[in-house]
Amino acid sequence: MIVTHLFYFFTATKIRFFPSGFRDDPNYEAEGIVPFVANSPFMSFFYTKSAPEYKEYKLKEGEFNEAKHQWHVENNTYGFSHGLGILIMAIGILTFLGIFSPKIGLVGAGLAIIMTVGTLSFLVTTPEVWVPDLGSGEHGFPLLSGAGRLVIKDTAIIAGAIVVLSDCAQRILKQKK
């Protein structure tokens, strides 16, 4: 029974990560992660422009503005996003392959944990994850904005990655006996 549950979990992890890699590919998705990356002390070096500057170049989903688009090209917004998409798909594939090879699954789950810790760090580094003070009196911690709710879902991913990591480690240890 536990094997069946883990199979579903490995599969769900693969399904979660693989489409996310494609999701980060469209320009509007790349533009959407700029506040997270630009404000992160761990990732901001991927961009060529400084953190506060991006606010002037925000685009709504589906909107096109040549000058703002060009700023994102110069900022490496799209290049970083494409690389991130490839990384996310690779992590999903490695984790899924853990069904067949615990060593590969261990690597995938370990990478998923590292990536998820990085994502959850945005809760500390990105001002846009908290509801702004717009006069209602309801703002700041613990009220998450849409961006914050996008980030907090990664707590489920890290929990699953820990389960996959422990299962793979357990199978590796049993193989050594």
Foldseek 3Di string as FASTA:
>chain_A
DVLVVLLVLLVVLLVVQLVVLVVLQDPLNLLVCLLLQQQDPVRVVQFDDHNVVSVVLRDDVPDDDPVSVVNCVNGCSNVVSNVVSVVSNCLSVQCSCCSVALVSNLVSLVVLLVVLVSLLCSVVRGPQQWADPPPPPDIDPPHGDPSVVVSVVSVVVNVSSVVSNVVSVVVVVVVVD
